Amino acid sequence: MAPTSLTLLLLCAPALSFALDPRASARSLNSLRRRDDRNVPPAGFYNPTTAGGSMLTIAPNTGGLGEPLNVIVSGHSDPIVLVDQEDAGGLRNYFLSVGFAAECLGQHAGDAQTANLGDGKGQVNETSELRWDYGDPQLGTCTETIKGGNHFRYWIQDGSNANSGAIFMATSYEKPIQDGHDIIFNGYNLGRDWLVGNATAQTSLIPTANITNGTTYSGQTSFGGYTYKTNVVYLSGILSNSSAGVNHDQTVGNKNTLAVDGYVAVMTISVVSKPAASNGALSPSPISSWSLLAAFLAMLALSLST
């Protein structure tokens, strides 16, 4: 077994029993709640750059380079969606409806990225990182960890200076673990648009090169008995069209293509329908720790054989 894969397995193995304990799962969810004193501006969020913040994160051990905050969930979204939880139709349940789940067996390798949303909290760690689940909310993010795919980190703008409740997301598409999870060419823009395509149930890929200021998409997704409608508008003038200060800029862009195209996808999410009587999101079926281990080992073997 390759050293990288062995390291990943050792990181994930201790979480097998943890992931099966619903109390532990509940503790792993961030319990931030929508504050009653939210003040949402017409745009649905405050521009971080107007109050000393940045639309780039800071990635650890990069000398200050970061990733673009290229997707924003508007503070005008349904209040239950802005609650960072999986039950009762909250934010995590919405992300599951789009195809993104918590990291492989609850484990996160590496230091957290930070961001300053200009809300008075300064530079803070990511709230969480979610990965494309390949159609399997329980184990699919293990596949993403090995094979690569779409993923994002997010932060909540809820400080006392700018309490919009908006969710700022740094979205990108990464290479397999054997390539060090580098970002694919144009991967920040493509990651954003593939997420938007899934959130709005598009039947074809969004043409990234044709995006302009004011481009819109709309569609519905469902999970756990909840159906959501997502309206998206692309805006310019918030995020710079540049490679300056961008992490992975050597692989994401080249002399003809800047790493970031300067567009931010602003998503306004509404709840279309919900269960008549709900105890929250659908609970995963019980899975033994040995089944989880066997599945993960099988995926590792597959990745090493390709």
Protein backbone atom coordinates (compact mmCIF):
# COMPACT_ATOMS: atom_id res chain seq x y z
CA MET A 1 0.00 0.00 0.00
CA ALA A 2 1.36 3.42 -0.96
CA PRO A 3 2.45 5.62 2.00
CA THR A 4 -0.10 8.33 1.18
CA SER A 5 -2.98 5.85 1.12
CA LEU A 6 -1.81 4.19 4.33
CA THR A 7 -1.68 7.57 6.04
CA LEU A 8 -5.22 8.35 4.89
CA LEU A 9 -6.48 4.99 6.16
CA LEU A 10 -4.85 5.49 9.55
CA LEU A 11 -6.46 8.92 9.79
CA CYS A 12 -9.89 7.58 8.92
CA ALA A 13 -9.87 4.32 10.91
CA PRO A 14 -10.32 5.88 14.38
CA ALA A 15 -13.54 7.54 13.22
CA LEU A 16 -15.35 4.33 12.28
CA SER A 17 -17.20 3.90 15.57
CA PHE A 18 -17.50 7.70 15.97
CA ALA A 19 -19.35 7.99 12.68
CA LEU A 20 -21.89 5.39 13.78
CA ASP A 21 -22.85 7.13 17.02
CA PRO A 22 -25.73 9.57 16.31
CA ARG A 23 -24.81 11.57 19.41
CA ALA A 24 -21.30 12.02 18.05
CA SER A 25 -22.71 13.03 14.67
CA ALA A 26 -24.86 15.63 16.35
CA ARG A 27 -21.84 16.98 18.21
CA SER A 28 -19.88 17.19 14.95
CA LEU A 29 -22.43 19.58 13.44
CA ASN A 30 -21.80 23.25 14.03
CA SER A 31 -24.58 24.54 16.29
CA LEU A 32 -24.52 28.14 15.10
CA ARG A 33 -28.03 29.54 14.90
CA ARG A 34 -29.47 32.48 13.04
CA ARG A 35 -29.21 35.45 15.33
CA ASP A 36 -32.40 37.39 15.99
CA ASP A 37 -30.67 40.71 15.37
CA ARG A 38 -29.70 39.97 11.77
CA ASN A 39 -29.61 43.00 9.51
CA VAL A 40 -29.68 41.85 5.90
CA PRO A 41 -28.84 44.45 3.24
CA PRO A 42 -30.62 44.44 -0.14
CA ALA A 43 -27.78 42.46 -1.74
CA GLY A 44 -28.27 39.67 0.81
CA PHE A 45 -24.74 40.02 2.22
CA TYR A 46 -22.13 42.64 3.11
CA ASN A 47 -19.11 42.96 0.85
CA PRO A 48 -16.19 41.94 3.10
CA THR A 49 -13.75 44.23 1.28
CA THR A 50 -15.59 47.38 2.40
CA ALA A 51 -14.78 46.68 6.05
CA GLY A 52 -11.24 45.33 6.00
CA GLY A 53 -12.12 41.79 4.94
CA SER A 54 -11.24 39.88 1.80
CA MET A 55 -12.89 37.76 -0.88
CA LEU A 56 -9.90 35.41 -0.71
CA THR A 57 -9.33 32.95 2.09
CA ILE A 58 -5.90 32.36 3.60
CA ALA A 59 -4.61 28.82 3.12
CA PRO A 60 -2.09 27.61 5.73
CA ASN A 61 1.57 27.24 4.82
CA THR A 62 1.24 29.17 1.54
CA GLY A 63 2.72 32.51 2.52
CA GLY A 64 -0.70 34.17 2.60
CA LEU A 65 -2.20 32.78 -0.62
CA GLY A 66 -5.88 31.89 -0.63
CA GLU A 67 -8.92 30.64 -2.51
CA PRO A 68 -11.79 32.72 -3.90
CA LEU A 69 -15.07 33.02 -2.01
CA ASN A 70 -16.96 32.46 -5.25
CA VAL A 71 -20.40 31.35 -4.00
CA ILE A 72 -22.62 33.14 -1.45
CA VAL A 73 -25.87 31.88 0.06
CA SER A 74 -27.88 35.08 0.48
CA GLY A 75 -29.13 36.20 3.87
CA HIS A 76 -32.54 36.58 2.20
CA SER A 77 -32.78 32.79 1.99
CA ASP A 78 -35.38 30.92 4.02
CA PRO A 79 -34.46 31.28 7.71
CA ILE A 80 -34.39 27.52 8.32
CA VAL A 81 -31.81 27.08 5.56
CA LEU A 82 -29.51 29.57 7.28
CA VAL A 83 -29.33 27.41 10.40
CA ASP A 84 -26.12 25.35 10.23
CA GLN A 85 -27.57 21.93 11.00
CA GLU A 86 -28.77 18.83 9.20
CA ASP A 87 -32.13 18.38 10.91
CA ALA A 88 -35.29 20.44 10.35
CA GLY A 89 -34.32 21.26 6.77
CA GLY A 90 -31.23 23.22 7.77
CA LEU A 91 -28.14 24.16 5.78
CA ARG A 92 -26.51 20.72 5.94
CA ASN A 93 -29.70 19.07 4.68
CA TYR A 94 -29.79 21.56 1.80
CA PHE A 95 -26.19 20.72 0.89
CA LEU A 96 -27.12 17.01 0.93
CA SER A 97 -29.88 17.81 -1.57
CA VAL A 98 -27.23 19.33 -3.84
CA GLY A 99 -24.94 16.29 -3.48
CA PHE A 100 -22.42 17.41 -0.84
CA ALA A 101 -21.80 15.65 2.47
CA ALA A 102 -19.43 15.73 5.44
CA GLU A 103 -15.85 14.58 5.00
CA CYS A 104 -14.78 10.95 4.75
CA LEU A 105 -15.72 9.17 8.00
CA GLY A 106 -15.77 12.48 9.82
CA GLN A 107 -12.04 13.09 9.42
CA HIS A 108 -10.30 16.25 8.19
CA ALA A 109 -6.60 16.18 7.37
CA GLY A 110 -4.60 19.39 7.37
CA ASP A 111 -5.03 22.80 8.92
CA ALA A 112 -8.17 24.86 8.39
CA GLN A 113 -8.26 27.77 5.98
CA THR A 114 -9.32 31.12 7.41
CA ALA A 115 -11.33 34.06 6.09
CA ASN A 116 -12.22 37.59 7.14
CA LEU A 117 -15.78 38.44 6.10
CA GLY A 118 -15.56 42.03 7.33
CA ASP A 119 -18.13 41.38 10.04
CA GLY A 120 -15.95 42.25 13.01
CA LYS A 121 -14.77 38.74 13.85
CA GLY A 122 -11.47 39.10 11.99
CA GLN A 123 -9.72 36.08 10.48
CA VAL A 124 -11.62 32.93 11.52
CA ASN A 125 -11.37 29.23 10.69
CA GLU A 126 -13.69 27.64 8.15
CA THR A 127 -16.98 26.46 9.62
CA SER A 128 -16.67 23.16 7.77
CA GLU A 129 -15.59 21.52 4.52
CA LEU A 130 -18.00 19.44 2.44
CA ARG A 131 -17.26 17.17 -0.52
CA TRP A 132 -19.14 15.80 -3.51
CA ASP A 133 -20.68 12.51 -2.36
CA TYR A 134 -20.89 10.71 -5.72
CA GLY A 135 -24.52 9.83 -4.99
CA ASP A 136 -23.75 8.22 -1.63
CA PRO A 137 -24.20 10.57 1.37
CA GLN A 138 -22.67 8.01 3.76
CA LEU A 139 -19.46 6.94 2.00
CA GLY A 140 -19.27 8.96 -1.20
CA THR A 141 -16.98 11.62 0.22
CA CYS A 142 -14.37 8.89 0.77
CA THR A 143 -14.46 8.42 -3.00
CA GLU A 144 -14.00 12.17 -3.48
CA THR A 145 -11.04 12.15 -1.08
CA ILE A 146 -9.36 9.45 -3.18
CA LYS A 147 -10.47 10.29 -6.74
CA GLY A 148 -10.92 14.05 -6.39
CA GLY A 149 -13.94 16.12 -7.29
CA ASN A 150 -15.94 19.16 -6.27
CA HIS A 151 -15.68 20.45 -2.71
CA PHE A 152 -16.05 23.66 -0.73
CA ARG A 153 -15.31 25.32 2.58
CA TYR A 154 -17.73 27.81 4.09
CA TRP A 155 -17.99 30.65 6.61
CA ILE A 156 -21.00 32.46 8.12
CA GLN A 157 -21.18 36.26 8.09
CA ASP A 158 -22.72 36.85 11.51
CA GLY A 159 -20.38 39.18 13.38
CA SER A 160 -21.68 42.24 15.19
CA ASN A 161 -20.46 44.63 12.46
CA ALA A 162 -22.16 42.85 9.54
CA ASN A 163 -24.67 40.26 10.68
CA SER A 164 -26.29 39.22 7.39
CA GLY A 165 -26.35 35.50 8.12
CA ALA A 166 -25.03 34.90 4.58
CA ILE A 167 -22.88 31.84 3.87
CA PHE A 168 -19.61 32.48 2.00
CA MET A 169 -18.20 29.46 0.16
CA ALA A 170 -14.78 28.78 -1.39
CA THR A 171 -15.59 26.25 -4.10
CA SER A 172 -13.22 24.33 -6.38
CA TYR A 173 -12.63 21.02 -8.16
CA GLU A 174 -9.59 19.09 -6.97
CA LYS A 175 -7.39 16.35 -8.41
CA PRO A 176 -7.02 12.85 -6.85
CA ILE A 177 -5.12 12.35 -3.61
CA GLN A 178 -2.19 10.86 -5.52
CA ASP A 179 -1.79 14.28 -7.18
CA GLY A 180 -1.79 16.04 -3.83
CA HIS A 181 -5.35 17.37 -4.24
CA ASP A 182 -4.08 20.12 -6.51
CA ILE A 183 -6.81 22.13 -8.26
CA ILE A 184 -7.62 21.29 -11.89
CA PHE A 185 -7.16 23.89 -14.63
CA ASN A 186 -9.85 26.58 -14.25
CA GLY A 187 -10.99 24.60 -11.22
CA TYR A 188 -12.23 27.52 -9.11
CA ASN A 189 -14.61 28.75 -11.80
CA LEU A 190 -15.64 25.24 -12.88
CA GLY A 191 -16.18 24.12 -9.28
CA ARG A 192 -18.47 27.09 -8.72
CA ASP A 193 -20.49 26.45 -11.86
CA TRP A 194 -20.81 22.69 -11.36
CA LEU A 195 -22.13 23.34 -7.84
CA VAL A 196 -24.61 25.88 -9.23
CA GLY A 197 -25.64 23.41 -11.93
CA ASN A 198 -26.42 20.78 -9.32
CA ALA A 199 -28.19 23.26 -7.02
CA THR A 200 -30.48 24.31 -9.86
CA ALA A 201 -30.88 20.81 -11.38
CA GLN A 202 -29.49 21.73 -14.78
CA THR A 203 -29.56 19.01 -17.44
CA SER A 204 -26.33 20.22 -19.04
CA LEU A 205 -23.13 21.86 -17.84
CA ILE A 206 -23.22 25.59 -17.24
CA PRO A 207 -21.04 27.22 -19.94
CA THR A 208 -18.46 28.93 -17.73
CA ALA A 209 -16.98 30.97 -20.59
CA ASN A 210 -20.40 32.52 -21.31
CA ILE A 211 -21.12 33.75 -17.77
CA THR A 212 -21.77 37.50 -17.56
CA ASN A 213 -22.86 39.91 -14.85
CA GLY A 214 -26.55 39.16 -14.21
CA THR A 215 -26.61 35.60 -15.60
CA THR A 216 -29.32 33.64 -13.74
CA TYR A 217 -30.27 30.01 -13.10
CA SER A 218 -33.10 28.46 -11.09
CA GLY A 219 -34.18 24.96 -10.09
CA GLN A 220 -35.20 22.58 -7.31
CA THR A 221 -33.52 19.83 -5.27
CA SER A 222 -34.78 17.55 -2.48
CA PHE A 223 -33.47 15.58 0.48
CA GLY A 224 -34.89 14.26 3.75
CA GLY A 225 -38.44 15.18 2.80
CA TYR A 226 -37.56 18.82 2.09
CA THR A 227 -37.66 20.41 -1.36
CA TYR A 228 -35.69 23.58 -2.00
CA LYS A 229 -35.79 26.12 -4.81
CA THR A 230 -32.50 27.86 -5.56
CA ASN A 231 -32.36 31.10 -7.54
CA VAL A 232 -28.84 32.08 -8.63
CA VAL A 233 -27.50 35.32 -10.03
CA TYR A 234 -23.89 35.86 -11.06
CA LEU A 235 -22.39 39.18 -9.98
CA SER A 236 -19.16 40.93 -10.91
CA GLY A 237 -17.33 43.65 -9.01
CA ILE A 238 -17.14 41.74 -5.72
CA LEU A 239 -14.31 39.32 -6.49
CA SER A 240 -11.28 40.37 -8.55
CA ASN A 241 -10.67 38.86 -11.99
CA SER A 242 -7.08 37.94 -11.19
CA SER A 243 -4.48 35.34 -10.27
CA ALA A 244 -2.85 37.63 -7.71
CA GLY A 245 -2.74 36.07 -4.25
CA VAL A 246 -4.54 32.93 -5.43
CA ASN A 247 -3.38 29.52 -4.21
CA HIS A 248 -2.61 26.90 -6.90
CA ASP A 249 -2.43 29.68 -9.49
CA GLN A 250 0.24 27.85 -11.49
CA THR A 251 -2.09 24.94 -12.24
CA VAL A 252 -5.46 26.71 -12.17
CA GLY A 253 -4.52 29.39 -14.69
CA ASN A 254 -1.91 30.24 -17.31
CA LYS A 255 -0.76 33.27 -19.27
CA ASN A 256 -4.03 33.29 -21.20
CA THR A 257 -6.44 32.31 -18.39
CA LEU A 258 -6.58 34.03 -15.00
CA ALA A 259 -7.21 31.78 -12.00
CA VAL A 260 -10.38 33.67 -11.02
CA ASP A 261 -12.86 35.08 -13.56
CA GLY A 262 -14.29 37.61 -11.10
CA TYR A 263 -17.86 36.29 -10.87
CA VAL A 264 -19.62 35.33 -7.64
CA ALA A 265 -22.72 33.12 -7.73
CA VAL A 266 -25.27 34.45 -5.21
CA MET A 267 -27.83 31.80 -4.26
CA THR A 268 -31.19 32.61 -2.67
CA ILE A 269 -32.79 29.44 -1.31
CA SER A 270 -36.43 28.92 -0.40
CA VAL A 271 -38.19 25.87 1.06
CA VAL A 272 -40.89 24.73 -1.36
CA SER A 273 -42.19 21.82 0.69
CA LYS A 274 -41.41 20.01 3.93
CA PRO A 275 -42.63 16.88 5.73
CA ALA A 276 -46.00 17.23 7.42
CA ALA A 277 -44.45 15.96 10.64
CA SER A 278 -40.67 15.76 10.64
CA ASN A 279 -38.03 14.84 13.13
CA GLY A 280 -35.35 16.17 10.81
CA ALA A 281 -33.32 14.83 7.91
CA LEU A 282 -33.42 11.17 6.98
CA SER A 283 -31.15 9.14 9.23
CA PRO A 284 -28.56 6.90 7.58
CA SER A 285 -29.19 3.17 7.78
CA PRO A 286 -27.06 1.44 10.39
CA ILE A 287 -23.74 0.27 8.99
CA SER A 288 -21.21 -1.81 10.87
CA SER A 289 -17.71 -0.46 11.38
CA TRP A 290 -16.36 -3.51 9.55
CA SER A 291 -18.53 -2.68 6.52
CA LEU A 292 -17.23 0.89 6.52
CA LEU A 293 -13.66 -0.34 6.79
CA ALA A 294 -14.11 -2.88 4.02
CA ALA A 295 -15.68 -0.30 1.72
CA PHE A 296 -12.90 2.17 2.35
CA LEU A 297 -10.18 -0.43 1.80
CA ALA A 298 -11.83 -1.42 -1.47
CA MET A 299 -11.78 2.18 -2.67
CA LEU A 300 -8.13 2.52 -1.69
CA ALA A 301 -7.26 -0.64 -3.62
CA LEU A 302 -9.14 0.69 -6.64
CA SER A 303 -7.29 4.00 -6.52
CA LEU A 304 -3.90 2.26 -6.29
CA SER A 305 -4.65 -0.02 -9.22
CA THR A 306 -5.43 2.84 -11.62
